[in-house]
Structures are given as structure tokens and as C-alpha cells.
Amino acid sequence: MLLAAALIGLRVAYARGPLGEPERLVRYSAAAIVAFVALGKVLSPQYLIWLLPVVPLVRGRRGVAASALLLLTCVTTQLWFPSRYWDLALHFDALSSWLVPLRDLLLIGVLTVLAWPTPEREPARTP
């Protein structure tokens, strides 16, 4: 339900803005893919690979912030997967038990950065 709501919200937000801007299309497309990965039924660590070619395409400070959060997400994932996976699955390893939700929160952070509305700019004043 949350995934459907996020995808519908992204579609509505995209439709409300100026159409025909390639930067917006890339941003909202990346946000939709991140939403699918982050909010889907299963979040396999391998799904982060889908985000690596898409999120860095977003331009500007928003793209840098989203890419940095994605990098942190990948590093956090690498700290527990695959080396600690069985410790987590069979013995509820304490470190991995904290790294998995941290990875999930970082991924939600990537989605938030990409989906956050752009503030409207005031028109330039003429003297």
C-alpha cells in the first residue's frame, strides 16, 4: 500500500510541475525506482545495483545529496552482506541487526531527497 501511495504521489507531483524538462523526468524516474526498491515486499541487497546507474544522473545539489546517501546505503549493506548474512539469519547478529534498518532508513533518505518538492523561485526584480 505504501509503495502504491508513493508511486501515485510521485506521478502527481511530476504532473503538477512543468512538463518537458529532462532533469525533472530523470529525478522523478529515479525516485520511482528508489521507491520500488525501498518500499517493495522484499529488499534484497542486490536490488541496490538497480539504483547505481540511475541516481547519479540527477543533477545539482539534490543529485549530489542523493548519490552520497546511496553510497552510504551501499557501504552499510556491504558491512553485513554477504559476510554477516548467515550470522544475522541464524543468530540475529547484533551489529547486522542494526545495519539492516540503518540501510533501510538511508534508502528512505534517498527517496526523500529525490521526491522533496523544489521551492518555487521568486521572479527577478527589476529596478
N, C-alpha and C. Protein backbone atom coordinates (compact mmCIF):
# COMPACT_ATOMS: atom_id res chain seq x y z
N MET A 1 0.83 -1.19 0.00
CA MET A 1 0.00 0.00 0.00
C MET A 1 0.87 1.26 0.00
N LEU A 2 1.94 1.22 0.81
CA LEU A 2 2.81 2.38 0.89
C LEU A 2 3.53 2.61 -0.44
N LEU A 3 3.93 1.52 -1.09
CA LEU A 3 4.58 1.64 -2.39
C LEU A 3 3.62 2.26 -3.41
N ALA A 4 2.40 1.79 -3.44
CA ALA A 4 1.41 2.34 -4.38
C ALA A 4 1.18 3.83 -4.10
N ALA A 5 1.06 4.18 -2.83
CA ALA A 5 0.85 5.59 -2.47
C ALA A 5 2.04 6.44 -2.89
N ALA A 6 3.25 5.92 -2.68
CA ALA A 6 4.45 6.68 -3.07
C ALA A 6 4.52 6.87 -4.58
N LEU A 7 4.23 5.82 -5.34
CA LEU A 7 4.29 5.93 -6.80
C LEU A 7 3.21 6.87 -7.33
N ILE A 8 2.02 6.81 -6.75
CA ILE A 8 0.96 7.73 -7.17
C ILE A 8 1.34 9.16 -6.80
N GLY A 9 1.88 9.35 -5.60
CA GLY A 9 2.31 10.68 -5.17
C GLY A 9 3.40 11.24 -6.07
N LEU A 10 4.35 10.40 -6.47
CA LEU A 10 5.41 10.86 -7.38
C LEU A 10 4.84 11.23 -8.74
N ARG A 11 3.88 10.45 -9.21
CA ARG A 11 3.28 10.73 -10.51
C ARG A 11 2.50 12.05 -10.47
N VAL A 12 1.76 12.27 -9.41
CA VAL A 12 1.00 13.51 -9.26
C VAL A 12 1.95 14.70 -9.16
N ALA A 13 3.01 14.56 -8.36
CA ALA A 13 3.98 15.65 -8.21
C ALA A 13 4.65 15.98 -9.53
N TYR A 14 4.97 14.94 -10.30
CA TYR A 14 5.58 15.18 -11.61
C TYR A 14 4.60 15.90 -12.54
N ALA A 15 3.35 15.47 -12.53
CA ALA A 15 2.36 16.06 -13.43
C ALA A 15 2.04 17.50 -13.08
N ARG A 16 2.20 17.89 -11.82
CA ARG A 16 1.90 19.26 -11.40
C ARG A 16 2.98 20.26 -11.82
N GLY A 17 4.16 19.78 -12.11
CA GLY A 17 5.25 20.67 -12.48
C GLY A 17 5.31 20.90 -13.98
N PRO A 18 6.28 21.69 -14.40
CA PRO A 18 6.42 21.94 -15.84
C PRO A 18 6.88 20.67 -16.57
N LEU A 19 6.12 20.28 -17.56
CA LEU A 19 6.47 19.09 -18.33
C LEU A 19 7.51 19.45 -19.39
N GLY A 20 8.24 18.47 -19.82
CA GLY A 20 9.21 18.71 -20.88
C GLY A 20 10.60 19.05 -20.38
N GLU A 21 10.82 19.05 -19.08
CA GLU A 21 12.16 19.28 -18.55
C GLU A 21 12.82 17.93 -18.31
N PRO A 22 13.88 17.62 -19.05
CA PRO A 22 14.52 16.31 -18.89
C PRO A 22 15.05 16.06 -17.48
N GLU A 23 15.51 17.11 -16.80
CA GLU A 23 16.04 16.94 -15.44
C GLU A 23 14.96 16.44 -14.48
N ARG A 24 13.74 16.97 -14.61
CA ARG A 24 12.63 16.54 -13.75
C ARG A 24 12.25 15.09 -14.06
N LEU A 25 12.25 14.73 -15.33
CA LEU A 25 11.92 13.36 -15.71
C LEU A 25 12.93 12.38 -15.11
N VAL A 26 14.20 12.71 -15.18
CA VAL A 26 15.23 11.85 -14.61
C VAL A 26 15.06 11.75 -13.10
N ARG A 27 14.83 12.88 -12.45
CA ARG A 27 14.67 12.91 -10.99
C ARG A 27 13.48 12.06 -10.54
N TYR A 28 12.33 12.25 -11.15
CA TYR A 28 11.15 11.50 -10.74
C TYR A 28 11.24 10.03 -11.14
N SER A 29 11.91 9.74 -12.23
CA SER A 29 12.13 8.34 -12.61
C SER A 29 13.02 7.64 -11.59
N ALA A 30 14.09 8.33 -11.20
CA ALA A 30 14.98 7.77 -10.17
C ALA A 30 14.23 7.58 -8.86
N ALA A 31 13.40 8.55 -8.51
CA ALA A 31 12.62 8.44 -7.27
C ALA A 31 11.66 7.26 -7.33
N ALA A 32 11.05 7.02 -8.47
CA ALA A 32 10.13 5.89 -8.60
C ALA A 32 10.87 4.56 -8.45
N ILE A 33 12.06 4.46 -9.01
CA ILE A 33 12.83 3.22 -8.89
C ILE A 33 13.28 3.03 -7.44
N VAL A 34 13.72 4.10 -6.79
CA VAL A 34 14.11 4.02 -5.37
C VAL A 34 12.90 3.60 -4.54
N ALA A 35 11.72 4.16 -4.82
CA ALA A 35 10.51 3.79 -4.08
C ALA A 35 10.21 2.31 -4.27
N PHE A 36 10.34 1.82 -5.48
CA PHE A 36 10.09 0.40 -5.75
C PHE A 36 11.03 -0.49 -4.96
N VAL A 37 12.31 -0.11 -4.91
CA VAL A 37 13.30 -0.90 -4.18
C VAL A 37 13.08 -0.78 -2.67
N ALA A 38 12.89 0.43 -2.18
CA ALA A 38 12.82 0.66 -0.74
C ALA A 38 11.51 0.19 -0.12
N LEU A 39 10.41 0.30 -0.84
CA LEU A 39 9.10 0.04 -0.26
C LEU A 39 8.46 -1.26 -0.76
N GLY A 40 9.17 -1.99 -1.60
CA GLY A 40 8.63 -3.25 -2.11
C GLY A 40 8.56 -4.31 -1.03
N LYS A 41 7.99 -5.44 -1.38
CA LYS A 41 7.79 -6.53 -0.43
C LYS A 41 9.12 -7.10 0.06
N VAL A 42 10.10 -7.18 -0.83
CA VAL A 42 11.42 -7.73 -0.49
C VAL A 42 12.47 -6.70 -0.85
N LEU A 43 13.44 -6.49 0.04
CA LEU A 43 14.54 -5.58 -0.24
C LEU A 43 15.83 -6.38 -0.19
N SER A 44 16.12 -7.02 -1.28
CA SER A 44 17.35 -7.79 -1.39
C SER A 44 18.52 -6.84 -1.61
N PRO A 45 19.66 -7.11 -1.00
CA PRO A 45 20.81 -6.20 -1.19
C PRO A 45 21.20 -6.03 -2.65
N GLN A 46 20.95 -7.04 -3.47
CA GLN A 46 21.31 -6.94 -4.88
C GLN A 46 20.47 -5.90 -5.61
N TYR A 47 19.32 -5.53 -5.08
CA TYR A 47 18.46 -4.55 -5.74
C TYR A 47 19.10 -3.16 -5.76
N LEU A 48 20.06 -2.92 -4.88
CA LEU A 48 20.74 -1.62 -4.89
C LEU A 48 21.48 -1.38 -6.20
N ILE A 49 21.83 -2.46 -6.88
CA ILE A 49 22.52 -2.34 -8.16
C ILE A 49 21.64 -1.60 -9.17
N TRP A 50 20.32 -1.73 -9.06
CA TRP A 50 19.41 -1.03 -9.97
C TRP A 50 19.54 0.47 -9.81
N LEU A 51 19.92 0.92 -8.63
CA LEU A 51 19.96 2.36 -8.36
C LEU A 51 21.27 3.00 -8.77
N LEU A 52 22.33 2.22 -8.86
CA LEU A 52 23.65 2.78 -9.15
C LEU A 52 23.74 3.55 -10.46
N PRO A 53 23.13 3.10 -11.55
CA PRO A 53 23.23 3.91 -12.77
C PRO A 53 22.21 5.04 -12.86
N VAL A 54 21.18 5.04 -12.01
CA VAL A 54 20.09 5.99 -12.17
C VAL A 54 20.23 7.21 -11.26
N VAL A 55 20.48 6.98 -9.98
CA VAL A 55 20.51 8.10 -9.01
C VAL A 55 21.59 9.12 -9.35
N PRO A 56 22.80 8.72 -9.74
CA PRO A 56 23.82 9.74 -10.08
C PRO A 56 23.49 10.59 -11.31
N LEU A 57 22.47 10.21 -12.07
CA LEU A 57 22.08 11.03 -13.22
C LEU A 57 21.33 12.30 -12.82
N VAL A 58 20.83 12.34 -11.58
CA VAL A 58 20.11 13.52 -11.11
C VAL A 58 21.12 14.65 -10.93
N ARG A 59 20.78 15.81 -11.45
CA ARG A 59 21.73 16.93 -11.47
C ARG A 59 21.60 17.80 -10.23
N GLY A 60 22.62 18.61 -10.03
CA GLY A 60 22.61 19.62 -8.99
C GLY A 60 22.89 19.08 -7.59
N ARG A 61 22.63 19.95 -6.60
CA ARG A 61 22.88 19.58 -5.21
C ARG A 61 22.02 18.40 -4.78
N ARG A 62 20.81 18.35 -5.29
CA ARG A 62 19.92 17.23 -4.96
C ARG A 62 20.54 15.91 -5.42
N GLY A 63 21.10 15.90 -6.61
CA GLY A 63 21.74 14.70 -7.13
C GLY A 63 22.96 14.30 -6.32
N VAL A 64 23.74 15.29 -5.91
CA VAL A 64 24.92 15.00 -5.09
C VAL A 64 24.50 14.42 -3.74
N ALA A 65 23.48 15.01 -3.12
CA ALA A 65 23.00 14.52 -1.83
C ALA A 65 22.42 13.11 -1.97
N ALA A 66 21.62 12.88 -2.99
CA ALA A 66 21.04 11.55 -3.20
C ALA A 66 22.11 10.51 -3.48
N SER A 67 23.11 10.88 -4.28
CA SER A 67 24.21 9.95 -4.59
C SER A 67 25.04 9.65 -3.35
N ALA A 68 25.28 10.67 -2.51
CA ALA A 68 26.03 10.44 -1.27
C ALA A 68 25.27 9.50 -0.34
N LEU A 69 23.96 9.70 -0.22
CA LEU A 69 23.16 8.80 0.61
C LEU A 69 23.12 7.40 0.03
N LEU A 70 23.07 7.30 -1.29
CA LEU A 70 23.11 5.98 -1.92
C LEU A 70 24.44 5.30 -1.66
N LEU A 71 25.53 6.06 -1.72
CA LEU A 71 26.84 5.49 -1.42
C LEU A 71 26.89 4.97 0.02
N LEU A 72 26.36 5.76 0.96
CA LEU A 72 26.29 5.30 2.36
C LEU A 72 25.43 4.05 2.49
N THR A 73 24.35 4.00 1.73
CA THR A 73 23.49 2.82 1.74
C THR A 73 24.25 1.60 1.26
N CYS A 74 25.02 1.75 0.19
CA CYS A 74 25.79 0.63 -0.34
C CYS A 74 26.88 0.18 0.64
N VAL A 75 27.55 1.14 1.27
CA VAL A 75 28.58 0.80 2.25
C VAL A 75 27.96 0.08 3.44
N THR A 76 26.84 0.58 3.93
CA THR A 76 26.15 -0.06 5.05
C THR A 76 25.74 -1.48 4.68
N THR A 77 25.26 -1.67 3.47
CA THR A 77 24.88 -3.01 3.02
C THR A 77 26.10 -3.92 2.95
N GLN A 78 27.20 -3.39 2.44
CA GLN A 78 28.41 -4.19 2.30
C GLN A 78 28.97 -4.62 3.65
N LEU A 79 28.70 -3.85 4.70
CA LEU A 79 29.20 -4.21 6.03
C LEU A 79 28.55 -5.47 6.59
N TRP A 80 27.35 -5.80 6.13
CA TRP A 80 26.70 -7.00 6.65
C TRP A 80 26.43 -8.06 5.59
N PHE A 81 26.42 -7.69 4.33
CA PHE A 81 26.12 -8.66 3.29
C PHE A 81 27.27 -8.74 2.31
N PRO A 82 27.78 -9.89 1.98
CA PRO A 82 27.36 -11.24 2.32
C PRO A 82 28.06 -11.84 3.55
N SER A 83 29.07 -11.13 4.08
CA SER A 83 29.90 -11.74 5.13
C SER A 83 29.15 -12.06 6.41
N ARG A 84 28.20 -11.25 6.82
CA ARG A 84 27.48 -11.47 8.07
C ARG A 84 26.04 -11.95 7.87
N TYR A 85 25.70 -12.28 6.65
CA TYR A 85 24.31 -12.65 6.37
C TYR A 85 23.85 -13.83 7.22
N TRP A 86 24.63 -14.89 7.25
CA TRP A 86 24.19 -16.08 8.00
C TRP A 86 24.21 -15.84 9.50
N ASP A 87 25.11 -14.98 9.96
CA ASP A 87 25.08 -14.62 11.39
C ASP A 87 23.77 -13.91 11.72
N LEU A 88 23.32 -13.08 10.81
CA LEU A 88 22.06 -12.39 11.02
C LEU A 88 20.88 -13.34 10.90
N ALA A 89 20.88 -14.15 9.86
CA ALA A 89 19.75 -15.04 9.60
C ALA A 89 19.59 -16.12 10.66
N LEU A 90 20.69 -16.66 11.16
CA LEU A 90 20.61 -17.78 12.10
C LEU A 90 20.77 -17.39 13.56
N HIS A 91 21.53 -16.32 13.82
CA HIS A 91 21.86 -16.00 15.22
C HIS A 91 21.48 -14.57 15.60
N PHE A 92 20.81 -13.85 14.72
CA PHE A 92 20.42 -12.46 15.00
C PHE A 92 21.60 -11.62 15.49
N ASP A 93 22.67 -11.65 14.70
CA ASP A 93 23.88 -10.88 14.99
C ASP A 93 23.53 -9.43 15.33
N ALA A 94 24.06 -8.94 16.45
CA ALA A 94 23.69 -7.61 16.96
C ALA A 94 24.08 -6.50 15.97
N LEU A 95 25.29 -6.55 15.44
CA LEU A 95 25.73 -5.50 14.52
C LEU A 95 24.87 -5.48 13.26
N SER A 96 24.66 -6.64 12.69
CA SER A 96 23.84 -6.72 11.48
C SER A 96 22.41 -6.32 11.75
N SER A 97 21.94 -6.60 12.94
CA SER A 97 20.56 -6.23 13.30
C SER A 97 20.37 -4.72 13.33
N TRP A 98 21.44 -3.98 13.50
CA TRP A 98 21.37 -2.50 13.44
C TRP A 98 21.69 -1.99 12.04
N LEU A 99 22.54 -2.71 11.31
CA LEU A 99 22.93 -2.24 9.98
C LEU A 99 21.79 -2.37 8.96
N VAL A 100 20.97 -3.40 9.09
CA VAL A 100 19.88 -3.58 8.13
C VAL A 100 18.86 -2.44 8.21
N PRO A 101 18.33 -2.09 9.40
CA PRO A 101 17.40 -0.95 9.43
C PRO A 101 18.07 0.38 9.09
N LEU A 102 19.36 0.51 9.41
CA LEU A 102 20.08 1.72 9.01
C LEU A 102 20.12 1.83 7.50
N ARG A 103 20.40 0.72 6.83
CA ARG A 103 20.38 0.70 5.36
C ARG A 103 19.01 1.11 4.83
N ASP A 104 17.97 0.59 5.45
CA ASP A 104 16.61 0.91 5.02
C ASP A 104 16.30 2.39 5.21
N LEU A 105 16.70 2.96 6.33
CA LEU A 105 16.48 4.38 6.59
C LEU A 105 17.26 5.26 5.61
N LEU A 106 18.48 4.86 5.30
CA LEU A 106 19.27 5.61 4.33
C LEU A 106 18.60 5.58 2.95
N LEU A 107 18.03 4.45 2.60
CA LEU A 107 17.34 4.34 1.32
C LEU A 107 16.08 5.20 1.29
N ILE A 108 15.38 5.27 2.41
CA ILE A 108 14.24 6.18 2.50
C ILE A 108 14.73 7.63 2.40
N GLY A 109 15.92 7.89 2.93
CA GLY A 109 16.51 9.22 2.79
C GLY A 109 16.79 9.57 1.33
N VAL A 110 17.27 8.61 0.56
CA VAL A 110 17.49 8.85 -0.88
C VAL A 110 16.16 9.20 -1.55
N LEU A 111 15.12 8.43 -1.22
CA LEU A 111 13.80 8.70 -1.79
C LEU A 111 13.30 10.09 -1.39
N THR A 112 13.49 10.44 -0.14
CA THR A 112 13.04 11.75 0.34
C THR A 112 13.76 12.88 -0.38
N VAL A 113 15.06 12.76 -0.54
CA VAL A 113 15.84 13.80 -1.24
C VAL A 113 15.36 13.96 -2.67
N LEU A 114 15.09 12.84 -3.33
CA LEU A 114 14.66 12.91 -4.73
C LEU A 114 13.23 13.42 -4.87
N ALA A 115 12.37 13.09 -3.91
CA ALA A 115 10.95 13.43 -4.04
C ALA A 115 10.59 14.77 -3.43
N TRP A 116 11.47 15.34 -2.62
CA TRP A 116 11.16 16.60 -1.96
C TRP A 116 10.87 17.67 -3.00
N PRO A 117 9.78 18.42 -2.83
CA PRO A 117 9.44 19.43 -3.84
C PRO A 117 10.50 20.53 -3.94
N THR A 118 10.67 21.01 -5.13
CA THR A 118 11.59 22.11 -5.38
C THR A 118 10.88 23.41 -5.02
N PRO A 119 11.52 24.24 -4.19
CA PRO A 119 10.85 25.51 -3.86
C PRO A 119 10.73 26.39 -5.10
N GLU A 120 9.60 27.06 -5.17
CA GLU A 120 9.40 27.97 -6.30
C GLU A 120 10.27 29.19 -6.13
N ARG A 121 10.88 29.61 -7.21
CA ARG A 121 11.76 30.76 -7.17
C ARG A 121 10.96 32.02 -7.45
N GLU A 122 11.32 33.06 -6.74
CA GLU A 122 10.66 34.35 -6.98
C GLU A 122 11.21 34.94 -8.28
N PRO A 123 10.35 35.61 -9.03
CA PRO A 123 10.87 36.25 -10.24
C PRO A 123 11.86 37.35 -9.90
N ALA A 124 12.80 37.55 -10.78
CA ALA A 124 13.81 38.58 -10.57
C ALA A 124 13.16 39.96 -10.57
N ARG A 125 13.57 40.79 -9.64
CA ARG A 125 13.02 42.14 -9.56
C ARG A 125 13.80 43.08 -10.48
N THR A 126 13.06 43.94 -11.10
CA THR A 126 13.72 44.94 -11.95
C THR A 126 13.67 46.28 -11.24
N PRO A 127 14.77 47.02 -11.28
CA PRO A 127 14.78 48.32 -10.57
C PRO A 127 13.93 49.36 -11.21
